[in-house]
């Protein structure tokens, strides 16, 4: 199974993670998630592999977070996932997936742990 990176080319950590993978000889499938957001099912699978809750994967400083009142602790995981699918800028990046494992590239070296 190929390594996949959910990538934002404008993000320095995402670029560093991609360069680190390529430097190790890994040619990941690059998914520019802002253009091709994951579905709710894909995001649930990624969260399970990461071992994170939807809220832990959210970028809280992005404008949609406040605009959509996502700080409401009563929101369900499904509601948070729906918000991320509809507003992919809310998804923390980069995410690297290798089969049944996933890692957040923050710091970029964390992605190497799943290779």
C-alpha atoms as a PDB file:
ATOM      1  CA  UNK A   1       0.000   0.000   0.000  1.00  0.00           C
ATOM      2  CA  UNK A   2       1.282   3.455  -0.931  1.00  0.00           C
ATOM      3  CA  UNK A   3       2.057   6.171   1.559  1.00  0.00           C
ATOM      4  CA  UNK A   4      -0.377   9.100   1.319  1.00  0.00           C
ATOM      5  CA  UNK A   5       0.239  12.656   2.470  1.00  0.00           C
ATOM      6  CA  UNK A   6      -2.651  15.054   3.010  1.00  0.00           C
ATOM      7  CA  UNK A   7      -0.739  18.111   1.940  1.00  0.00           C
ATOM      8  CA  UNK A   8      -1.079  21.871   1.785  1.00  0.00           C
ATOM      9  CA  UNK A   9       1.730  23.227  -0.429  1.00  0.00           C
ATOM     10  CA  UNK A  10       1.428  26.654   1.232  1.00  0.00           C
ATOM     11  CA  UNK A  11       2.227  25.201   4.684  1.00  0.00           C
ATOM     12  CA  UNK A  12       5.907  25.048   5.649  1.00  0.00           C
ATOM     13  CA  UNK A  13       5.442  21.984   7.917  1.00  0.00           C
ATOM     14  CA  UNK A  14       3.635  20.197   5.097  1.00  0.00           C
ATOM     15  CA  UNK A  15       6.425  21.030   2.625  1.00  0.00           C
ATOM     16  CA  UNK A  16       9.076  19.941   5.159  1.00  0.00           C
ATOM     17  CA  UNK A  17       7.291  16.644   5.790  1.00  0.00           C
ATOM     18  CA  UNK A  18       6.970  15.925   2.068  1.00  0.00           C
ATOM     19  CA  UNK A  19      10.664  16.731   1.526  1.00  0.00           C
ATOM     20  CA  UNK A  20      11.619  14.483   4.455  1.00  0.00           C
ATOM     21  CA  UNK A  21       9.613  11.563   3.016  1.00  0.00           C
ATOM     22  CA  UNK A  22      11.082  12.063  -0.443  1.00  0.00           C
ATOM     23  CA  UNK A  23      14.562  12.303   1.091  1.00  0.00           C
ATOM     24  CA  UNK A  24      13.995   8.815   2.546  1.00  0.00           C
ATOM     25  CA  UNK A  25      13.089   7.481  -0.899  1.00  0.00           C
ATOM     26  CA  UNK A  26       9.340   7.483  -0.260  1.00  0.00           C
ATOM     27  CA  UNK A  27       7.197   8.703  -3.136  1.00  0.00           C
ATOM     28  CA  UNK A  28       3.874   9.377  -1.431  1.00  0.00           C
ATOM     29  CA  UNK A  29       0.562   9.916  -3.132  1.00  0.00           C
ATOM     30  CA  UNK A  30      -0.056  13.623  -2.593  1.00  0.00           C
ATOM     31  CA  UNK A  31      -3.598  14.672  -1.752  1.00  0.00           C
ATOM     32  CA  UNK A  32      -4.052  18.432  -1.707  1.00  0.00           C
ATOM     33  CA  UNK A  33      -6.847  18.197   0.826  1.00  0.00           C
ATOM     34  CA  UNK A  34      -7.961  21.805   0.389  1.00  0.00           C
ATOM     35  CA  UNK A  35      -8.831  20.954  -3.238  1.00  0.00           C
ATOM     36  CA  UNK A  36      -9.869  17.337  -2.588  1.00  0.00           C
ATOM     37  CA  UNK A  37     -11.152  17.109   0.991  1.00  0.00           C
ATOM     38  CA  UNK A  38     -11.551  13.661   2.509  1.00  0.00           C
ATOM     39  CA  UNK A  39     -15.076  12.350   2.923  1.00  0.00           C
ATOM     40  CA  UNK A  40     -16.539  11.951   6.398  1.00  0.00           C
ATOM     41  CA  UNK A  41     -15.810   8.205   6.232  1.00  0.00           C
ATOM     42  CA  UNK A  42     -12.214   8.815   5.153  1.00  0.00           C
ATOM     43  CA  UNK A  43     -11.725  11.373   7.909  1.00  0.00           C
ATOM     44  CA  UNK A  44     -13.131   8.965  10.520  1.00  0.00           C
ATOM     45  CA  UNK A  45     -10.695   6.280   9.328  1.00  0.00           C
ATOM     46  CA  UNK A  46      -7.785   8.740   9.480  1.00  0.00           C
ATOM     47  CA  UNK A  47      -8.766   9.848  12.987  1.00  0.00           C
ATOM     48  CA  UNK A  48      -8.876   6.220  14.132  1.00  0.00           C
ATOM     49  CA  UNK A  49      -5.385   5.586  12.699  1.00  0.00           C
ATOM     50  CA  UNK A  50      -4.089   8.771  14.361  1.00  0.00           C
ATOM     51  CA  UNK A  51      -5.747   7.929  17.676  1.00  0.00           C
ATOM     52  CA  UNK A  52      -7.187  11.448  17.850  1.00  0.00           C
ATOM     53  CA  UNK A  53     -10.619  12.907  18.391  1.00  0.00           C
ATOM     54  CA  UNK A  54     -12.044  15.244  15.753  1.00  0.00           C
ATOM     55  CA  UNK A  55     -11.485  18.246  18.015  1.00  0.00           C
ATOM     56  CA  UNK A  56      -7.799  17.305  18.459  1.00  0.00           C
ATOM     57  CA  UNK A  57      -7.331  17.426  14.682  1.00  0.00           C
ATOM     58  CA  UNK A  58      -8.950  20.833  14.267  1.00  0.00           C
ATOM     59  CA  UNK A  59      -7.127  24.074  13.589  1.00  0.00           C
ATOM     60  CA  UNK A  60      -8.801  26.311  16.143  1.00  0.00           C
ATOM     61  CA  UNK A  61      -7.319  29.593  14.917  1.00  0.00           C
ATOM     62  CA  UNK A  62      -8.870  29.365  11.448  1.00  0.00           C
ATOM     63  CA  UNK A  63     -11.789  31.792  10.850  1.00  0.00           C
ATOM     64  CA  UNK A  64     -14.431  29.057  10.249  1.00  0.00           C
ATOM     65  CA  UNK A  65     -13.766  27.644  13.740  1.00  0.00           C
ATOM     66  CA  UNK A  66     -15.115  30.782  15.407  1.00  0.00           C
ATOM     67  CA  UNK A  67     -17.676  31.559  12.705  1.00  0.00           C
ATOM     68  CA  UNK A  68     -19.259  28.109  13.056  1.00  0.00           C
ATOM     69  CA  UNK A  69     -19.036  28.216  16.875  1.00  0.00           C
ATOM     70  CA  UNK A  70     -17.090  24.954  16.896  1.00  0.00           C
ATOM     71  CA  UNK A  71     -15.829  25.658  20.409  1.00  0.00           C
ATOM     72  CA  UNK A  72     -19.238  24.458  21.658  1.00  0.00           C
ATOM     73  CA  UNK A  73     -18.381  21.414  23.789  1.00  0.00           C
ATOM     74  CA  UNK A  74     -21.842  19.946  23.142  1.00  0.00           C
ATOM     75  CA  UNK A  75     -21.126  19.379  19.435  1.00  0.00           C
ATOM     76  CA  UNK A  76     -20.893  15.717  18.485  1.00  0.00           C
ATOM     77  CA  UNK A  77     -17.884  14.156  16.785  1.00  0.00           C
ATOM     78  CA  UNK A  78     -20.022  13.760  13.652  1.00  0.00           C
ATOM     79  CA  UNK A  79     -20.813  17.493  13.666  1.00  0.00           C
ATOM     80  CA  UNK A  80     -17.104  18.331  13.982  1.00  0.00           C
ATOM     81  CA  UNK A  81     -16.198  15.913  11.188  1.00  0.00           C
ATOM     82  CA  UNK A  82     -18.910  17.421   8.975  1.00  0.00           C
ATOM     83  CA  UNK A  83     -17.463  20.885   9.629  1.00  0.00           C
ATOM     84  CA  UNK A  84     -13.967  19.688   8.649  1.00  0.00           C
ATOM     85  CA  UNK A  85     -15.230  18.043   5.450  1.00  0.00           C
ATOM     86  CA  UNK A  86     -17.106  21.211   4.491  1.00  0.00           C
ATOM     87  CA  UNK A  87     -14.220  23.482   5.600  1.00  0.00           C
ATOM     88  CA  UNK A  88     -11.018  21.489   5.049  1.00  0.00           C
ATOM     89  CA  UNK A  89      -8.910  24.450   6.192  1.00  0.00           C
ATOM     90  CA  UNK A  90      -9.911  23.295   9.691  1.00  0.00           C
ATOM     91  CA  UNK A  91      -7.962  20.030   9.304  1.00  0.00           C
ATOM     92  CA  UNK A  92      -4.499  20.069  10.887  1.00  0.00           C
ATOM     93  CA  UNK A  93      -1.747  19.214   8.455  1.00  0.00           C
ATOM     94  CA  UNK A  94       0.131  17.415   7.162  1.00  0.00           C
ATOM     95  CA  UNK A  95      -1.264  13.951   7.757  1.00  0.00           C
ATOM     96  CA  UNK A  96       0.734  10.975   6.528  1.00  0.00           C
ATOM     97  CA  UNK A  97      -0.976   7.601   6.174  1.00  0.00           C
ATOM     98  CA  UNK A  98       0.839   4.312   5.661  1.00  0.00           C
ATOM     99  CA  UNK A  99      -1.582   1.381   5.635  1.00  0.00           C
ATOM    100  CA  UNK A 100      -3.101   0.988   9.104  1.00  0.00           C
ATOM    101  CA  UNK A 101      -0.892   3.728  10.583  1.00  0.00           C
ATOM    102  CA  UNK A 102      -1.028   7.506  10.393  1.00  0.00           C
ATOM    103  CA  UNK A 103       0.953  10.394  11.816  1.00  0.00           C
ATOM    104  CA  UNK A 104       0.622  14.135  11.978  1.00  0.00           C
ATOM    105  CA  UNK A 105       3.753  15.782  10.594  1.00  0.00           C
ATOM    106  CA  UNK A 106       4.144  18.145  13.526  1.00  0.00           C
ATOM    107  CA  UNK A 107       7.071  17.999  13.831  1.00  0.00           C
ATOM    108  CA  UNK A 108       7.792  16.597  10.348  1.00  0.00           C
ATOM    109  CA  UNK A 109      10.000  13.844  11.813  1.00  0.00           C
ATOM    110  CA  UNK A 110       6.934  12.257  13.423  1.00  0.00           C
ATOM    111  CA  UNK A 111       5.897  11.018   9.965  1.00  0.00           C
ATOM    112  CA  UNK A 112       8.999   8.791   9.847  1.00  0.00           C
ATOM    113  CA  UNK A 113       7.697   6.730  12.779  1.00  0.00           C
ATOM    114  CA  UNK A 114       5.080   5.043  10.575  1.00  0.00           C
ATOM    115  CA  UNK A 115       7.336   4.079   7.664  1.00  0.00           C
END
